[in-house]
């Protein structure tokens, strides 16, 4: 069922080393099992490269192509060189993301942008809390007692099933309990 609107957005934010990617790799299969089609945007705090020296695409980028799209039967990738631009903003990336046939866009990072987020917190890391300074946080997933106490929903960071259920329930509310929209 193609979507005719912008899909809902939900992010996972935390300090580095908290386990955002690890949790997402456990939650996404559960959301997929529930019938949701997922897109994801991940913020990287460092330079990265998904291209390999020696490959045609790498050679073409090195030759000066500012945008390279590689396509095959089962996958396509779009790379854009932006050395003279500031870091991309989330709204710019969402504009470029293919949103057809997507039920939910998950965001990893971009904690200073405005969108609904679940804060991840591990007590042993002793990082400062993002909530209540960030009013866009809708829930906190943690692994122990949370001080100061929050009025937000508290989730167990080690229980991906409960986090997936929270996300599905939130989507049902956003989509008006359309049973075909959320399995």
N, C-alpha and C. Protein backbone atom coordinates (compact mmCIF):
# COMPACT_ATOMS: atom_id res chain seq x y z
N UNK A 1 0.85 -1.17 0.00
CA UNK A 1 0.00 0.00 0.00
C UNK A 1 0.89 1.23 0.00
N UNK A 2 0.99 1.98 -1.09
CA UNK A 2 1.81 3.17 -1.13
C UNK A 2 1.21 4.24 -0.22
N UNK A 3 2.07 5.00 0.43
CA UNK A 3 1.59 6.07 1.29
C UNK A 3 1.36 7.31 0.45
N UNK A 4 0.35 8.08 0.80
CA UNK A 4 0.05 9.31 0.09
C UNK A 4 0.39 10.52 0.95
N UNK A 5 1.06 10.31 2.02
CA UNK A 5 1.43 11.38 2.93
C UNK A 5 2.87 11.14 3.40
N UNK A 6 3.38 12.12 4.11
CA UNK A 6 4.70 11.92 4.69
C UNK A 6 4.57 10.93 5.84
N UNK A 7 5.36 9.88 5.84
CA UNK A 7 5.26 8.90 6.92
C UNK A 7 5.65 9.51 8.27
N UNK A 8 5.14 8.94 9.36
CA UNK A 8 5.54 9.40 10.68
C UNK A 8 7.05 9.23 10.87
N UNK A 9 7.61 10.09 11.70
CA UNK A 9 9.04 10.08 12.00
C UNK A 9 9.21 9.84 13.49
N UNK A 10 10.18 9.00 13.84
CA UNK A 10 10.50 8.75 15.24
C UNK A 10 12.00 8.50 15.35
N UNK A 11 12.62 9.18 16.28
CA UNK A 11 14.06 9.05 16.42
C UNK A 11 14.48 8.40 17.72
N UNK A 12 15.73 7.94 17.71
CA UNK A 12 16.41 7.40 18.87
C UNK A 12 17.64 8.27 19.10
N UNK A 13 17.71 8.90 20.26
CA UNK A 13 18.81 9.82 20.55
C UNK A 13 19.49 9.43 21.86
N UNK A 14 20.80 9.65 21.90
CA UNK A 14 21.59 9.36 23.09
C UNK A 14 23.01 9.80 22.82
N UNK A 15 23.81 9.78 23.85
CA UNK A 15 25.23 10.05 23.68
C UNK A 15 25.88 8.83 23.03
N UNK A 16 27.00 9.07 22.38
CA UNK A 16 27.73 8.01 21.72
C UNK A 16 28.06 6.88 22.70
N UNK A 17 27.92 5.65 22.23
CA UNK A 17 28.24 4.50 23.06
C UNK A 17 27.08 3.96 23.88
N UNK A 18 25.91 4.58 23.77
CA UNK A 18 24.74 4.14 24.54
C UNK A 18 24.08 2.92 23.94
N UNK A 19 24.23 2.73 22.63
CA UNK A 19 23.66 1.54 22.00
C UNK A 19 22.50 1.82 21.06
N UNK A 20 22.49 2.98 20.42
CA UNK A 20 21.40 3.31 19.51
C UNK A 20 21.31 2.30 18.36
N UNK A 21 22.43 2.07 17.69
CA UNK A 21 22.43 1.15 16.55
C UNK A 21 22.09 -0.27 16.99
N UNK A 22 22.66 -0.71 18.08
CA UNK A 22 22.38 -2.05 18.59
C UNK A 22 20.89 -2.23 18.87
N UNK A 23 20.28 -1.25 19.51
CA UNK A 23 18.85 -1.34 19.80
C UNK A 23 18.04 -1.33 18.50
N UNK A 24 18.38 -0.45 17.58
CA UNK A 24 17.64 -0.40 16.31
C UNK A 24 17.74 -1.70 15.53
N UNK A 25 18.89 -2.37 15.57
CA UNK A 25 19.02 -3.65 14.86
C UNK A 25 18.14 -4.73 15.49
N UNK A 26 17.71 -4.51 16.72
CA UNK A 26 16.82 -5.47 17.38
C UNK A 26 15.35 -5.07 17.22
N UNK A 27 15.07 -3.76 17.13
CA UNK A 27 13.70 -3.27 17.03
C UNK A 27 13.19 -3.35 15.58
N UNK A 28 14.02 -3.02 14.61
CA UNK A 28 13.57 -2.99 13.22
C UNK A 28 12.99 -4.33 12.76
N UNK A 29 13.63 -5.48 13.03
CA UNK A 29 13.01 -6.74 12.61
C UNK A 29 11.63 -6.97 13.24
N UNK A 30 11.42 -6.50 14.44
CA UNK A 30 10.12 -6.64 15.09
C UNK A 30 9.06 -5.76 14.41
N UNK A 31 9.46 -4.56 14.02
CA UNK A 31 8.55 -3.68 13.30
C UNK A 31 8.24 -4.25 11.92
N UNK A 32 9.25 -4.83 11.28
CA UNK A 32 9.05 -5.47 9.96
C UNK A 32 8.09 -6.66 10.10
N UNK A 33 8.27 -7.43 11.17
CA UNK A 33 7.40 -8.59 11.40
C UNK A 33 5.94 -8.13 11.60
N UNK A 34 5.77 -6.92 12.13
CA UNK A 34 4.42 -6.36 12.30
C UNK A 34 3.88 -5.77 11.00
N UNK A 35 4.66 -5.87 9.93
CA UNK A 35 4.18 -5.42 8.63
C UNK A 35 4.58 -3.99 8.25
N UNK A 36 5.39 -3.35 9.05
CA UNK A 36 5.80 -1.98 8.74
C UNK A 36 6.98 -1.94 7.78
N UNK A 37 6.92 -1.00 6.88
CA UNK A 37 8.03 -0.75 5.96
C UNK A 37 8.81 0.43 6.50
N UNK A 38 10.10 0.24 6.72
CA UNK A 38 10.93 1.19 7.45
C UNK A 38 11.95 1.86 6.54
N UNK A 39 12.11 3.16 6.72
CA UNK A 39 13.25 3.89 6.17
C UNK A 39 14.02 4.41 7.38
N UNK A 40 15.31 4.61 7.21
CA UNK A 40 16.12 5.07 8.34
C UNK A 40 17.15 6.08 7.85
N UNK A 41 17.33 7.12 8.65
CA UNK A 41 18.40 8.09 8.43
C UNK A 41 19.28 8.06 9.66
N UNK A 42 20.58 7.85 9.46
CA UNK A 42 21.54 7.77 10.57
C UNK A 42 22.51 8.94 10.47
N UNK A 43 22.72 9.59 11.60
CA UNK A 43 23.69 10.67 11.67
C UNK A 43 25.04 10.09 12.04
N UNK A 44 26.08 10.51 11.35
CA UNK A 44 27.45 10.10 11.67
C UNK A 44 28.23 11.33 12.11
N UNK A 45 28.95 11.22 13.21
CA UNK A 45 29.71 12.35 13.74
C UNK A 45 31.09 12.45 13.12
N UNK A 46 31.38 11.60 12.19
CA UNK A 46 32.73 11.57 11.62
C UNK A 46 32.62 11.37 10.12
N UNK A 47 33.71 11.60 9.43
CA UNK A 47 33.71 11.33 7.98
C UNK A 47 33.57 9.82 7.78
N UNK A 48 32.86 9.46 6.76
CA UNK A 48 32.68 8.06 6.46
C UNK A 48 32.69 7.89 4.96
N UNK A 49 32.87 6.69 4.51
CA UNK A 49 32.81 6.41 3.09
C UNK A 49 32.24 5.01 2.91
N UNK A 50 31.23 4.91 2.07
CA UNK A 50 30.65 3.60 1.78
C UNK A 50 31.19 3.04 0.47
N UNK A 51 32.02 3.84 -0.17
CA UNK A 51 32.58 3.46 -1.47
C UNK A 51 33.98 2.89 -1.27
N UNK A 52 34.42 2.04 -2.16
CA UNK A 52 35.70 1.36 -2.03
C UNK A 52 36.66 1.80 -3.14
N UNK A 53 37.88 2.21 -2.76
CA UNK A 53 38.86 2.54 -3.80
C UNK A 53 39.03 1.38 -4.78
N UNK A 54 39.10 1.74 -6.05
CA UNK A 54 39.24 0.73 -7.09
C UNK A 54 37.93 0.40 -7.78
N UNK A 55 36.80 0.61 -7.10
CA UNK A 55 35.49 0.37 -7.72
C UNK A 55 35.19 1.49 -8.70
N UNK A 56 34.41 1.19 -9.72
CA UNK A 56 34.08 2.20 -10.73
C UNK A 56 33.46 3.45 -10.11
N UNK A 57 32.52 3.25 -9.16
CA UNK A 57 31.86 4.40 -8.55
C UNK A 57 32.86 5.30 -7.83
N UNK A 58 33.82 4.71 -7.14
CA UNK A 58 34.85 5.48 -6.45
C UNK A 58 35.70 6.25 -7.46
N UNK A 59 36.07 5.59 -8.52
CA UNK A 59 36.88 6.24 -9.54
C UNK A 59 36.13 7.41 -10.16
N UNK A 60 34.83 7.26 -10.38
CA UNK A 60 34.03 8.33 -10.96
C UNK A 60 33.89 9.51 -10.00
N UNK A 61 33.73 9.23 -8.71
CA UNK A 61 33.68 10.32 -7.72
C UNK A 61 35.02 11.04 -7.67
N UNK A 62 36.10 10.26 -7.66
CA UNK A 62 37.44 10.86 -7.63
C UNK A 62 37.71 11.70 -8.87
N UNK A 63 37.06 11.35 -9.99
CA UNK A 63 37.24 12.10 -11.23
C UNK A 63 36.48 13.43 -11.19
N UNK A 64 35.58 13.59 -10.21
CA UNK A 64 34.90 14.87 -10.06
C UNK A 64 33.39 14.84 -10.10
N UNK A 65 32.78 13.68 -10.27
CA UNK A 65 31.32 13.61 -10.25
C UNK A 65 30.84 13.97 -8.84
N UNK A 66 29.98 14.97 -8.74
CA UNK A 66 29.49 15.40 -7.43
C UNK A 66 28.38 14.51 -6.91
N UNK A 67 27.67 13.82 -7.82
CA UNK A 67 26.64 12.87 -7.44
C UNK A 67 26.84 11.62 -8.26
N UNK A 68 26.74 10.49 -7.59
CA UNK A 68 26.86 9.20 -8.26
C UNK A 68 25.72 8.32 -7.77
N UNK A 69 25.00 7.73 -8.69
CA UNK A 69 23.97 6.76 -8.33
C UNK A 69 24.39 5.42 -8.93
N UNK A 70 24.38 4.41 -8.10
CA UNK A 70 24.70 3.05 -8.53
C UNK A 70 23.40 2.25 -8.39
N UNK A 71 23.03 1.54 -9.44
CA UNK A 71 21.78 0.80 -9.41
C UNK A 71 21.99 -0.61 -9.93
N UNK A 72 21.33 -1.55 -9.27
CA UNK A 72 21.30 -2.93 -9.72
C UNK A 72 19.89 -3.45 -9.51
N UNK A 73 19.70 -4.70 -9.75
CA UNK A 73 18.36 -5.28 -9.66
C UNK A 73 17.76 -5.14 -8.26
N UNK A 74 18.52 -5.35 -7.23
CA UNK A 74 17.96 -5.38 -5.88
C UNK A 74 18.31 -4.20 -4.99
N UNK A 75 19.04 -3.22 -5.52
CA UNK A 75 19.45 -2.13 -4.64
C UNK A 75 19.94 -0.96 -5.48
N UNK A 76 19.76 0.24 -4.96
CA UNK A 76 20.42 1.40 -5.55
C UNK A 76 20.90 2.31 -4.44
N UNK A 77 21.96 3.01 -4.73
CA UNK A 77 22.59 3.90 -3.74
C UNK A 77 22.87 5.23 -4.43
N UNK A 78 22.64 6.28 -3.69
CA UNK A 78 22.93 7.62 -4.20
C UNK A 78 23.95 8.26 -3.28
N UNK A 79 25.05 8.70 -3.84
CA UNK A 79 26.10 9.37 -3.07
C UNK A 79 26.26 10.78 -3.60
N UNK A 80 26.37 11.74 -2.70
CA UNK A 80 26.57 13.13 -3.09
C UNK A 80 27.77 13.68 -2.32
N UNK A 81 28.66 14.32 -3.04
CA UNK A 81 29.81 14.98 -2.43
C UNK A 81 29.38 16.38 -2.02
N UNK A 82 29.62 16.75 -0.76
CA UNK A 82 29.22 18.07 -0.27
C UNK A 82 30.33 18.72 0.55
N UNK A 83 31.55 18.80 0.03
CA UNK A 83 32.67 19.30 0.83
C UNK A 83 32.56 20.77 1.21
N UNK A 84 31.82 21.56 0.44
CA UNK A 84 31.73 23.00 0.72
C UNK A 84 30.46 23.38 1.46
N UNK A 85 29.69 22.39 1.90
CA UNK A 85 28.43 22.68 2.58
C UNK A 85 28.54 22.36 4.07
N UNK A 86 27.70 23.03 4.84
CA UNK A 86 27.59 22.68 6.25
C UNK A 86 27.00 21.28 6.35
N UNK A 87 27.03 20.74 7.56
CA UNK A 87 26.43 19.43 7.77
C UNK A 87 24.97 19.45 7.35
N UNK A 88 24.52 18.39 6.71
CA UNK A 88 23.14 18.31 6.24
C UNK A 88 22.17 18.38 7.42
N UNK A 89 21.09 19.09 7.22
CA UNK A 89 20.02 19.15 8.22
C UNK A 89 19.05 18.00 7.97
N UNK A 90 18.39 17.58 9.02
CA UNK A 90 17.45 16.47 8.91
C UNK A 90 16.35 16.78 7.90
N UNK A 91 15.80 17.98 7.89
CA UNK A 91 14.72 18.28 6.94
C UNK A 91 15.20 18.17 5.50
N UNK A 92 16.45 18.51 5.22
CA UNK A 92 17.00 18.36 3.88
C UNK A 92 17.09 16.88 3.50
N UNK A 93 17.53 16.06 4.43
CA UNK A 93 17.67 14.63 4.16
C UNK A 93 16.30 13.98 3.98
N UNK A 94 15.33 14.39 4.79
CA UNK A 94 13.98 13.84 4.65
C UNK A 94 13.39 14.17 3.29
N UNK A 95 13.68 15.37 2.78
CA UNK A 95 13.21 15.76 1.45
C UNK A 95 13.75 14.84 0.37
N UNK A 96 14.98 14.39 0.53
CA UNK A 96 15.64 13.56 -0.48
C UNK A 96 15.32 12.07 -0.32
N UNK A 97 14.86 11.68 0.85
CA UNK A 97 14.58 10.28 1.12
C UNK A 97 13.34 9.83 0.34
N UNK A 98 13.45 8.71 -0.32
CA UNK A 98 12.29 8.14 -1.00
C UNK A 98 11.28 7.69 0.03
N UNK A 99 10.11 8.31 0.05
CA UNK A 99 9.12 8.01 1.07
C UNK A 99 7.95 7.19 0.55
N UNK A 100 8.02 6.79 -0.71
CA UNK A 100 6.97 5.93 -1.26
C UNK A 100 7.16 4.53 -0.68
N UNK A 101 6.06 3.91 -0.33
CA UNK A 101 6.09 2.56 0.24
C UNK A 101 6.84 2.49 1.56
N UNK A 102 6.75 3.55 2.35
CA UNK A 102 7.36 3.58 3.68
C UNK A 102 6.27 3.93 4.69
N UNK A 103 6.21 3.17 5.78
CA UNK A 103 5.22 3.43 6.83
C UNK A 103 5.79 4.25 7.97
N UNK A 104 7.11 4.19 8.17
CA UNK A 104 7.74 4.85 9.31
C UNK A 104 9.17 5.20 8.94
N UNK A 105 9.57 6.42 9.28
CA UNK A 105 10.96 6.82 9.11
C UNK A 105 11.59 6.89 10.49
N UNK A 106 12.59 6.05 10.70
CA UNK A 106 13.34 6.07 11.95
C UNK A 106 14.58 6.94 11.75
N UNK A 107 14.93 7.66 12.79
CA UNK A 107 16.09 8.54 12.77
C UNK A 107 17.01 8.08 13.89
N UNK A 108 18.29 7.92 13.57
CA UNK A 108 19.28 7.65 14.61
C UNK A 108 20.17 8.88 14.72
N UNK A 109 20.07 9.53 15.85
CA UNK A 109 20.87 10.74 16.06
C UNK A 109 20.09 11.99 15.73
N UNK A 110 20.81 13.02 15.27
CA UNK A 110 20.22 14.34 15.02
C UNK A 110 19.49 14.83 16.27
N UNK A 111 20.14 14.68 17.43
CA UNK A 111 19.46 14.97 18.68
C UNK A 111 19.12 16.44 18.86
N UNK A 112 19.74 17.34 18.10
CA UNK A 112 19.44 18.77 18.26
C UNK A 112 18.37 19.26 17.29
N UNK A 113 17.84 18.36 16.47
CA UNK A 113 16.78 18.71 15.54
C UNK A 113 15.42 18.51 16.21
N UNK A 114 14.38 19.12 15.62
CA UNK A 114 13.03 19.07 16.19
C UNK A 114 12.21 17.96 15.52
N UNK A 115 11.99 16.87 16.23
CA UNK A 115 11.15 15.77 15.77
C UNK A 115 10.94 14.85 16.98
N UNK A 116 9.92 13.99 16.98
CA UNK A 116 9.66 13.10 18.13
C UNK A 116 10.80 12.11 18.32
N UNK A 117 11.23 11.95 19.59
CA UNK A 117 12.40 11.12 19.89
C UNK A 117 12.17 10.27 21.13
N UNK A 118 12.86 9.13 21.13
CA UNK A 118 12.99 8.32 22.33
C UNK A 118 14.43 8.50 22.80
N UNK A 119 14.60 8.94 24.03
CA UNK A 119 15.94 9.10 24.59
C UNK A 119 16.40 7.76 25.16
N UNK A 120 17.62 7.36 24.82
CA UNK A 120 18.22 6.16 25.40
C UNK A 120 19.20 6.59 26.48
N UNK A 121 19.16 5.88 27.60
CA UNK A 121 20.03 6.26 28.72
C UNK A 121 20.52 4.99 29.42
N UNK A 122 21.82 4.91 29.62
CA UNK A 122 22.41 3.82 30.39
C UNK A 122 22.99 4.43 31.66
N UNK A 123 22.52 3.93 32.79
CA UNK A 123 22.90 4.49 34.09
C UNK A 123 24.41 4.46 34.28
N UNK A 124 25.07 3.34 33.93
CA UNK A 124 26.51 3.20 34.18
C UNK A 124 27.36 4.19 33.38
N UNK A 125 26.84 4.74 32.28
CA UNK A 125 27.60 5.71 31.49
C UNK A 125 27.60 7.10 32.12
N UNK A 126 26.61 7.36 32.98
CA UNK A 126 26.53 8.61 33.72
C UNK A 126 26.51 9.84 32.81
N UNK A 127 25.90 9.72 31.62
CA UNK A 127 25.77 10.86 30.73
C UNK A 127 24.65 11.77 31.21
N UNK A 128 24.73 13.05 30.88
CA UNK A 128 23.62 13.94 31.23
C UNK A 128 22.35 13.52 30.50
N UNK A 129 21.23 13.82 31.08
CA UNK A 129 19.94 13.51 30.46
C UNK A 129 19.61 14.56 29.41
N UNK A 130 18.95 14.14 28.35
CA UNK A 130 18.52 15.06 27.30
C UNK A 130 17.16 15.67 27.63
N UNK A 131 16.28 14.87 28.28
CA UNK A 131 14.99 15.37 28.73
C UNK A 131 15.17 15.90 30.15
N UNK A 132 14.62 17.01 30.53
CA UNK A 132 13.54 17.77 29.93
C UNK A 132 13.99 18.94 29.03
N UNK A 133 15.29 19.14 28.88
CA UNK A 133 15.74 20.24 28.02
C UNK A 133 15.25 20.09 26.59
N UNK A 134 15.08 18.85 26.12
CA UNK A 134 14.58 18.61 24.77
C UNK A 134 13.09 18.27 24.86
N UNK A 135 12.22 19.20 24.49
CA UNK A 135 10.77 18.97 24.61
C UNK A 135 10.22 17.98 23.59
N UNK A 136 11.05 17.55 22.62
CA UNK A 136 10.58 16.61 21.60
C UNK A 136 10.72 15.15 22.03
N UNK A 137 11.31 14.92 23.20
CA UNK A 137 11.44 13.54 23.69
C UNK A 137 10.09 13.08 24.20
N UNK A 138 9.64 11.93 23.68
CA UNK A 138 8.31 11.41 24.01
C UNK A 138 8.36 10.23 24.97
N UNK A 139 9.56 9.63 25.14
CA UNK A 139 9.73 8.48 26.03
C UNK A 139 11.22 8.33 26.32
N UNK A 140 11.52 7.62 27.40
CA UNK A 140 12.91 7.34 27.76
C UNK A 140 13.06 5.83 27.91
N UNK A 141 14.07 5.28 27.23
CA UNK A 141 14.41 3.86 27.39
C UNK A 141 15.70 3.80 28.17
N UNK A 142 15.67 3.14 29.32
CA UNK A 142 16.86 3.11 30.18
C UNK A 142 17.03 1.72 30.77
N UNK A 143 18.14 1.54 31.48
CA UNK A 143 18.45 0.24 32.04
C UNK A 143 18.47 0.22 33.56
N UNK A 144 17.89 1.21 34.17
CA UNK A 144 17.87 1.26 35.63
C UNK A 144 17.06 2.43 36.13
N UNK A 145 17.20 2.74 37.40
CA UNK A 145 16.44 3.86 37.97
C UNK A 145 16.81 5.17 37.27
N UNK A 146 15.82 5.98 37.05
CA UNK A 146 16.00 7.22 36.32
C UNK A 146 15.80 8.41 37.24
N UNK A 147 16.85 9.15 37.46
CA UNK A 147 16.77 10.35 38.29
C UNK A 147 17.22 11.54 37.46
N UNK A 148 16.56 12.65 37.47
CA UNK A 148 15.27 12.83 38.14
C UNK A 148 14.17 12.02 37.46
N UNK A 149 13.14 11.74 38.22
CA UNK A 149 12.01 10.97 37.72
C UNK A 149 11.32 11.79 36.63
N UNK A 150 10.82 11.12 35.64
CA UNK A 150 10.15 11.79 34.52
C UNK A 150 8.71 11.35 34.42
N UNK A 151 7.88 12.21 33.86
CA UNK A 151 6.48 11.87 33.62
C UNK A 151 6.29 11.15 32.29
N UNK A 152 7.36 11.06 31.51
CA UNK A 152 7.29 10.39 30.21
C UNK A 152 7.20 8.89 30.38
N UNK A 153 6.71 8.19 29.35
CA UNK A 153 6.74 6.73 29.41
C UNK A 153 8.18 6.24 29.55
N UNK A 154 8.37 5.27 30.46
CA UNK A 154 9.69 4.67 30.65
C UNK A 154 9.69 3.28 30.04
N UNK A 155 10.69 3.02 29.22
CA UNK A 155 10.83 1.73 28.54
C UNK A 155 12.13 1.09 28.98
N UNK A 156 12.19 -0.22 28.92
CA UNK A 156 13.41 -0.95 29.25
C UNK A 156 14.27 -1.02 27.99
N UNK A 157 15.45 -0.41 28.03
CA UNK A 157 16.34 -0.36 26.87
C UNK A 157 16.75 -1.77 26.42
N UNK A 158 16.64 -2.75 27.32
CA UNK A 158 17.02 -4.13 27.02
C UNK A 158 15.82 -4.98 26.60
N UNK A 159 14.69 -4.35 26.31
CA UNK A 159 13.48 -5.07 25.92
C UNK A 159 12.98 -4.53 24.57
N UNK A 160 13.61 -4.97 23.47
CA UNK A 160 13.21 -4.44 22.16
C UNK A 160 11.75 -4.74 21.81
N UNK A 161 11.20 -5.83 22.34
CA UNK A 161 9.80 -6.15 22.06
C UNK A 161 8.89 -5.08 22.64
N UNK A 162 9.17 -4.63 23.86
CA UNK A 162 8.35 -3.59 24.48
C UNK A 162 8.51 -2.25 23.74
N UNK A 163 9.71 -1.97 23.27
CA UNK A 163 9.94 -0.72 22.53
C UNK A 163 9.22 -0.77 21.19
N UNK A 164 9.27 -1.91 20.51
CA UNK A 164 8.54 -2.06 19.25
C UNK A 164 7.04 -1.93 19.49
N UNK A 165 6.53 -2.52 20.56
CA UNK A 165 5.10 -2.41 20.87
C UNK A 165 4.71 -0.95 21.14
N UNK A 166 5.57 -0.22 21.83
CA UNK A 166 5.33 1.21 22.09
C UNK A 166 5.24 1.97 20.77
N UNK A 167 6.16 1.70 19.85
CA UNK A 167 6.18 2.38 18.55
C UNK A 167 4.92 2.05 17.76
N UNK A 168 4.54 0.78 17.73
CA UNK A 168 3.35 0.36 16.99
C UNK A 168 2.10 1.02 17.57
N UNK A 169 2.01 1.06 18.87
CA UNK A 169 0.85 1.70 19.51
C UNK A 169 0.81 3.19 19.20
N UNK A 170 1.95 3.82 19.20
CA UNK A 170 2.02 5.25 18.85
C UNK A 170 1.58 5.46 17.39
N UNK A 171 2.02 4.59 16.48
CA UNK A 171 1.62 4.71 15.08
C UNK A 171 0.11 4.53 14.93
N UNK A 172 -0.45 3.60 15.66
CA UNK A 172 -1.91 3.39 15.60
C UNK A 172 -2.62 4.68 15.99
N UNK A 173 -2.13 5.35 17.01
CA UNK A 173 -2.73 6.62 17.43
C UNK A 173 -2.58 7.69 16.38
N UNK A 174 -1.41 7.79 15.77
CA UNK A 174 -1.16 8.81 14.74
C UNK A 174 -1.97 8.55 13.48
N UNK A 175 -2.18 7.29 13.14
CA UNK A 175 -2.86 6.95 11.90
C UNK A 175 -4.36 6.71 12.10
N UNK A 176 -4.85 7.04 13.28
CA UNK A 176 -6.28 6.92 13.52
C UNK A 176 -6.79 5.52 13.61
N UNK A 177 -5.98 4.62 14.19
CA UNK A 177 -6.39 3.22 14.38
C UNK A 177 -6.79 2.54 13.08
N UNK A 178 -6.15 2.86 11.99
CA UNK A 178 -6.42 2.20 10.73
C UNK A 178 -5.77 0.83 10.76
N UNK A 179 -6.55 -0.24 10.89
CA UNK A 179 -5.95 -1.58 11.05
C UNK A 179 -5.07 -1.97 9.89
N UNK A 180 -5.39 -1.50 8.66
CA UNK A 180 -4.55 -1.87 7.53
C UNK A 180 -3.24 -1.09 7.53
N UNK A 181 -3.19 0.02 8.25
CA UNK A 181 -1.98 0.85 8.28
C UNK A 181 -0.92 0.26 9.20
N UNK A 182 -1.33 -0.34 10.28
CA UNK A 182 -0.38 -0.94 11.22
C UNK A 182 -0.89 -2.32 11.57
N UNK A 183 -0.13 -3.32 11.18
CA UNK A 183 -0.56 -4.70 11.43
C UNK A 183 -0.65 -5.00 12.90
